[in-house]
Amino acid sequence: MAAPLRKVYIASYDAGGLFPNHWALWVPSVADENIGTIIQVEGDPATGFHLEFQRYYDKSVEERKHALFEIADVEHRHVVDSDGLGDGKPFIETVAHDAIEEQAVLIDPPAKSLKSAGNEKQGRVEIKNCQTWLTELVNALVAQGIFPESALTKLAMVPKATERKQRVPQLE
């Protein structure tokens, strides 16, 4: 009998509507679906990004507005729970412990891509952020057979920003 599959999600954190939402990969633990690992790049286009694995992340106490989007069902062999890593308290590291994280380490975090207004001859610049990085990671996971092809379609459906209804002044 095949082992049950593990669900993996995109966590999309509301950035207030003016900026793109922050995206991360959320891998819940088998023991407690509120606890797990966040795989993400942190930073901004002005200074660059760095990779981190947040262990023992507890989504039930997250104060930022966010939504989870199921992206893939993966085989257990591709996921290592944080259980047994550290002392059970939340911590951040950059050491990969499973196949998903090994692919994350292979994808370079976006470097500084936002140029200052004083730069001459800058032309059009492609701004890279956590969303572009996560898109590259999902593509790599599909190419390696860790995520199914359907993950690409599901990724394309995740909102890039939270829509805000614009208030229209009322005429009196």
C-alpha atoms as a PDB file:
ATOM      1  CA  MET A   1       0.000   0.000   0.000  1.00  0.00           C
ATOM      2  CA  ALA A   2       1.340   3.421  -0.944  1.00  0.00           C
ATOM      3  CA  ALA A   3       2.076   5.911   1.832  1.00  0.00           C
ATOM      4  CA  PRO A   4      -0.398   8.767   2.115  1.00  0.00           C
ATOM      5  CA  LEU A   5       0.530  11.957   0.335  1.00  0.00           C
ATOM      6  CA  ARG A   6       1.519  15.202   2.062  1.00  0.00           C
ATOM      7  CA  LYS A   7      -0.206  18.469   1.193  1.00  0.00           C
ATOM      8  CA  VAL A   8       1.951  21.498   0.406  1.00  0.00           C
ATOM      9  CA  TYR A   9       0.576  25.034   0.195  1.00  0.00           C
ATOM     10  CA  ILE A  10       1.447  28.512  -1.000  1.00  0.00           C
ATOM     11  CA  ALA A  11       1.044  30.909   1.905  1.00  0.00           C
ATOM     12  CA  SER A  12       0.167  34.340   0.545  1.00  0.00           C
ATOM     13  CA  TYR A  13       0.581  37.198   3.022  1.00  0.00           C
ATOM     14  CA  ASP A  14      -1.418  40.370   2.421  1.00  0.00           C
ATOM     15  CA  ALA A  15       0.899  43.297   1.644  1.00  0.00           C
ATOM     16  CA  GLY A  16      -1.852  45.889   1.828  1.00  0.00           C
ATOM     17  CA  GLY A  17      -2.778  46.163  -1.840  1.00  0.00           C
ATOM     18  CA  LEU A  18      -0.022  48.589  -2.853  1.00  0.00           C
ATOM     19  CA  PHE A  19       2.682  45.930  -3.097  1.00  0.00           C
ATOM     20  CA  PRO A  20       2.735  42.315  -4.241  1.00  0.00           C
ATOM     21  CA  ASN A  21       1.729  39.805  -1.579  1.00  0.00           C
ATOM     22  CA  HIS A  22       4.529  37.869   0.096  1.00  0.00           C
ATOM     23  CA  TRP A  23       4.578  34.227  -1.004  1.00  0.00           C
ATOM     24  CA  ALA A  24       6.103  31.285   0.829  1.00  0.00           C
ATOM     25  CA  LEU A  25       5.794  27.506   0.708  1.00  0.00           C
ATOM     26  CA  TRP A  26       3.987  26.039   3.741  1.00  0.00           C
ATOM     27  CA  VAL A  27       4.635  22.385   4.622  1.00  0.00           C
ATOM     28  CA  PRO A  28       2.481  21.357   7.600  1.00  0.00           C
ATOM     29  CA  SER A  29       3.617  18.673  10.016  1.00  0.00           C
ATOM     30  CA  VAL A  30       1.907  15.275  10.117  1.00  0.00           C
ATOM     31  CA  ALA A  31       1.557  15.545  13.917  1.00  0.00           C
ATOM     32  CA  ASP A  32      -0.071  19.017  13.974  1.00  0.00           C
ATOM     33  CA  GLU A  33      -1.419  20.745  10.863  1.00  0.00           C
ATOM     34  CA  ASN A  34      -0.884  24.186  12.473  1.00  0.00           C
ATOM     35  CA  ILE A  35       2.852  23.578  12.920  1.00  0.00           C
ATOM     36  CA  GLY A  36       5.307  23.102  10.073  1.00  0.00           C
ATOM     37  CA  THR A  37       7.995  24.638   7.932  1.00  0.00           C
ATOM     38  CA  ILE A  38       7.845  27.847   5.910  1.00  0.00           C
ATOM     39  CA  ILE A  39      10.218  27.884   2.930  1.00  0.00           C
ATOM     40  CA  GLN A  40      10.769  31.422   1.678  1.00  0.00           C
ATOM     41  CA  VAL A  41      13.045  34.201   0.620  1.00  0.00           C
ATOM     42  CA  GLU A  42      12.920  37.308   2.806  1.00  0.00           C
ATOM     43  CA  GLY A  43      14.011  40.787   1.804  1.00  0.00           C
ATOM     44  CA  ASP A  44      13.002  43.301  -0.815  1.00  0.00           C
ATOM     45  CA  PRO A  45      13.952  44.308  -4.371  1.00  0.00           C
ATOM     46  CA  ALA A  46      15.943  47.302  -3.097  1.00  0.00           C
ATOM     47  CA  THR A  47      18.354  45.253  -0.943  1.00  0.00           C
ATOM     48  CA  GLY A  48      17.999  41.694  -2.232  1.00  0.00           C
ATOM     49  CA  PHE A  49      16.636  38.510  -0.682  1.00  0.00           C
ATOM     50  CA  HIS A  50      17.937  35.582   1.376  1.00  0.00           C
ATOM     51  CA  LEU A  51      16.616  32.031   1.735  1.00  0.00           C
ATOM     52  CA  GLU A  52      15.290  30.763   5.042  1.00  0.00           C
ATOM     53  CA  PHE A  53      13.510  27.751   6.466  1.00  0.00           C
ATOM     54  CA  GLN A  54      11.302  28.666   9.414  1.00  0.00           C
ATOM     55  CA  ARG A  55      11.024  25.538  11.568  1.00  0.00           C
ATOM     56  CA  TYR A  56       8.140  24.954  13.986  1.00  0.00           C
ATOM     57  CA  TYR A  57       6.245  27.829  12.380  1.00  0.00           C
ATOM     58  CA  ASP A  58       2.787  28.002  14.004  1.00  0.00           C
ATOM     59  CA  LYS A  59       0.264  29.343  11.506  1.00  0.00           C
ATOM     60  CA  SER A  60      -2.441  29.508  14.206  1.00  0.00           C
ATOM     61  CA  VAL A  61      -0.662  32.438  15.891  1.00  0.00           C
ATOM     62  CA  GLU A  62       0.269  34.293  12.683  1.00  0.00           C
ATOM     63  CA  GLU A  63      -0.997  37.866  12.999  1.00  0.00           C
ATOM     64  CA  ARG A  64      -0.489  38.887   9.381  1.00  0.00           C
ATOM     65  CA  LYS A  65      -3.522  38.448   7.143  1.00  0.00           C
ATOM     66  CA  HIS A  66      -2.847  35.475   4.881  1.00  0.00           C
ATOM     67  CA  ALA A  67      -4.434  32.785   2.756  1.00  0.00           C
ATOM     68  CA  LEU A  68      -3.306  29.245   1.988  1.00  0.00           C
ATOM     69  CA  PHE A  69      -3.554  27.768  -1.504  1.00  0.00           C
ATOM     70  CA  GLU A  70      -3.025  24.041  -1.908  1.00  0.00           C
ATOM     71  CA  ILE A  71      -0.378  23.570  -4.566  1.00  0.00           C
ATOM     72  CA  ALA A  72       0.617  19.897  -4.464  1.00  0.00           C
ATOM     73  CA  ASP A  73       0.292  16.490  -2.874  1.00  0.00           C
ATOM     74  CA  VAL A  74       3.771  15.011  -2.496  1.00  0.00           C
ATOM     75  CA  GLU A  75       5.127  11.665  -1.405  1.00  0.00           C
ATOM     76  CA  HIS A  76       6.273  11.421   2.226  1.00  0.00           C
ATOM     77  CA  ARG A  77       9.817  10.603   1.115  1.00  0.00           C
ATOM     78  CA  HIS A  78      10.184  14.178  -0.183  1.00  0.00           C
ATOM     79  CA  VAL A  79       9.335  15.822   3.180  1.00  0.00           C
ATOM     80  CA  VAL A  80      11.074  15.815   6.559  1.00  0.00           C
ATOM     81  CA  ASP A  81       9.072  17.308   9.429  1.00  0.00           C
ATOM     82  CA  SER A  82      10.747  19.701  11.849  1.00  0.00           C
ATOM     83  CA  ASP A  83      10.130  17.097  14.578  1.00  0.00           C
ATOM     84  CA  GLY A  84      13.546  16.035  15.775  1.00  0.00           C
ATOM     85  CA  LEU A  85      15.204  19.212  14.490  1.00  0.00           C
ATOM     86  CA  GLY A  86      16.109  21.590  17.308  1.00  0.00           C
ATOM     87  CA  ASP A  87      14.296  21.698  20.637  1.00  0.00           C
ATOM     88  CA  GLY A  88      10.716  22.107  19.433  1.00  0.00           C
ATOM     89  CA  LYS A  89      10.843  25.905  19.522  1.00  0.00           C
ATOM     90  CA  PRO A  90      10.617  28.034  16.368  1.00  0.00           C
ATOM     91  CA  PHE A  91      13.920  28.781  14.670  1.00  0.00           C
ATOM     92  CA  ILE A  92      15.239  29.829  11.274  1.00  0.00           C
ATOM     93  CA  GLU A  93      17.977  28.059   9.348  1.00  0.00           C
ATOM     94  CA  THR A  94      19.293  27.633   5.825  1.00  0.00           C
ATOM     95  CA  VAL A  95      20.247  23.935   5.963  1.00  0.00           C
ATOM     96  CA  ALA A  96      18.096  21.709   3.711  1.00  0.00           C
ATOM     97  CA  HIS A  97      16.690  18.516   5.243  1.00  0.00           C
ATOM     98  CA  ASP A  98      14.497  17.135   2.449  1.00  0.00           C
ATOM     99  CA  ALA A  99      14.047  17.059  -1.337  1.00  0.00           C
ATOM    100  CA  ILE A 100      11.859  20.183  -1.463  1.00  0.00           C
ATOM    101  CA  GLU A 101      14.372  22.187   0.562  1.00  0.00           C
ATOM    102  CA  GLU A 102      17.279  20.840  -1.501  1.00  0.00           C
ATOM    103  CA  GLN A 103      15.625  22.299  -4.603  1.00  0.00           C
ATOM    104  CA  ALA A 104      15.046  25.601  -2.757  1.00  0.00           C
ATOM    105  CA  VAL A 105      18.758  25.857  -1.981  1.00  0.00           C
ATOM    106  CA  LEU A 106      19.542  25.446  -5.695  1.00  0.00           C
ATOM    107  CA  ILE A 107      17.407  28.464  -6.682  1.00  0.00           C
ATOM    108  CA  ASP A 108      19.321  31.696  -6.113  1.00  0.00           C
ATOM    109  CA  PRO A 109      17.349  34.232  -4.074  1.00  0.00           C
ATOM    110  CA  PRO A 110      16.675  37.412  -6.048  1.00  0.00           C
ATOM    111  CA  ALA A 111      19.510  39.915  -5.854  1.00  0.00           C
ATOM    112  CA  LYS A 112      18.961  43.628  -5.589  1.00  0.00           C
ATOM    113  CA  SER A 113      16.854  44.478  -8.652  1.00  0.00           C
ATOM    114  CA  LEU A 114      15.382  47.877  -7.836  1.00  0.00           C
ATOM    115  CA  LYS A 115      17.631  50.674  -9.071  1.00  0.00           C
ATOM    116  CA  SER A 116      17.700  54.143  -7.567  1.00  0.00           C
ATOM    117  CA  ALA A 117      16.189  57.007  -9.547  1.00  0.00           C
ATOM    118  CA  GLY A 118      19.654  58.556  -9.925  1.00  0.00           C
ATOM    119  CA  ASN A 119      21.007  55.706 -12.045  1.00  0.00           C
ATOM    120  CA  GLU A 120      21.510  56.782 -15.638  1.00  0.00           C
ATOM    121  CA  LYS A 121      21.051  54.414 -18.583  1.00  0.00           C
ATOM    122  CA  GLN A 122      19.168  51.912 -16.483  1.00  0.00           C
ATOM    123  CA  GLY A 123      16.475  51.099 -19.043  1.00  0.00           C
ATOM    124  CA  ARG A 124      13.673  48.745 -18.115  1.00  0.00           C
ATOM    125  CA  VAL A 125      14.557  46.524 -15.176  1.00  0.00           C
ATOM    126  CA  GLU A 126      12.851  43.246 -14.299  1.00  0.00           C
ATOM    127  CA  ILE A 127      11.945  43.453 -10.612  1.00  0.00           C
ATOM    128  CA  LYS A 128      12.390  40.086  -8.905  1.00  0.00           C
ATOM    129  CA  ASN A 129      10.819  39.201  -5.579  1.00  0.00           C
ATOM    130  CA  CYS A 130       9.583  36.309  -3.459  1.00  0.00           C
ATOM    131  CA  GLN A 131       6.920  35.509  -6.072  1.00  0.00           C
ATOM    132  CA  THR A 132       9.409  35.166  -8.933  1.00  0.00           C
ATOM    133  CA  TRP A 133      11.630  32.995  -6.714  1.00  0.00           C
ATOM    134  CA  LEU A 134       8.750  30.763  -5.626  1.00  0.00           C
ATOM    135  CA  THR A 135       7.639  30.395  -9.239  1.00  0.00           C
ATOM    136  CA  GLU A 136      11.157  29.195 -10.140  1.00  0.00           C
ATOM    137  CA  LEU A 137      11.090  26.782  -7.193  1.00  0.00           C
ATOM    138  CA  VAL A 138       7.725  25.279  -8.176  1.00  0.00           C
ATOM    139  CA  ASN A 139       8.963  24.860 -11.769  1.00  0.00           C
ATOM    140  CA  ALA A 140      12.074  23.061 -10.483  1.00  0.00           C
ATOM    141  CA  LEU A 141      10.002  20.816  -8.199  1.00  0.00           C
ATOM    142  CA  VAL A 142       7.772  19.865 -11.147  1.00  0.00           C
ATOM    143  CA  ALA A 143      10.818  19.239 -13.372  1.00  0.00           C
ATOM    144  CA  GLN A 144      12.287  16.934 -10.689  1.00  0.00           C
ATOM    145  CA  GLY A 145       9.006  15.000 -10.358  1.00  0.00           C
ATOM    146  CA  ILE A 146       8.534  16.077  -6.726  1.00  0.00           C
ATOM    147  CA  PHE A 147       5.436  18.179  -7.528  1.00  0.00           C
ATOM    148  CA  PRO A 148       2.872  17.119 -10.139  1.00  0.00           C
ATOM    149  CA  GLU A 149       2.362  19.164 -13.312  1.00  0.00           C
ATOM    150  CA  SER A 150      -0.936  20.437 -11.850  1.00  0.00           C
ATOM    151  CA  ALA A 151       1.113  22.568  -9.412  1.00  0.00           C
ATOM    152  CA  LEU A 152       1.889  24.973 -12.275  1.00  0.00           C
ATOM    153  CA  THR A 153      -1.806  25.564 -12.974  1.00  0.00           C
ATOM    154  CA  LYS A 154      -2.547  25.990  -9.267  1.00  0.00           C
ATOM    155  CA  LEU A 155       0.356  28.425  -8.887  1.00  0.00           C
ATOM    156  CA  ALA A 156      -0.980  30.561 -11.733  1.00  0.00           C
ATOM    157  CA  MET A 157      -4.265  30.933  -9.818  1.00  0.00           C
ATOM    158  CA  VAL A 158      -2.680  32.379  -6.645  1.00  0.00           C
ATOM    159  CA  PRO A 159      -3.394  36.135  -6.489  1.00  0.00           C
ATOM    160  CA  LYS A 160      -0.270  38.249  -6.789  1.00  0.00           C
ATOM    161  CA  ALA A 161      -1.787  41.084  -4.757  1.00  0.00           C
ATOM    162  CA  THR A 162      -4.773  41.571  -2.524  1.00  0.00           C
ATOM    163  CA  GLU A 163      -7.447  43.560  -4.268  1.00  0.00           C
ATOM    164  CA  ARG A 164      -8.624  46.673  -2.502  1.00  0.00           C
ATOM    165  CA  LYS A 165     -11.913  48.308  -3.275  1.00  0.00           C
ATOM    166  CA  GLN A 166     -11.288  51.915  -4.047  1.00  0.00           C
ATOM    167  CA  ARG A 167     -13.478  54.326  -2.170  1.00  0.00           C
ATOM    168  CA  VAL A 168     -15.244  56.719  -4.485  1.00  0.00           C
ATOM    169  CA  PRO A 169     -16.098  60.084  -2.956  1.00  0.00           C
ATOM    170  CA  GLN A 170     -19.837  60.681  -2.794  1.00  0.00           C
ATOM    171  CA  LEU A 171     -21.217  63.827  -4.367  1.00  0.00           C
ATOM    172  CA  GLU A 172     -23.650  65.691  -2.213  1.00  0.00           C
END
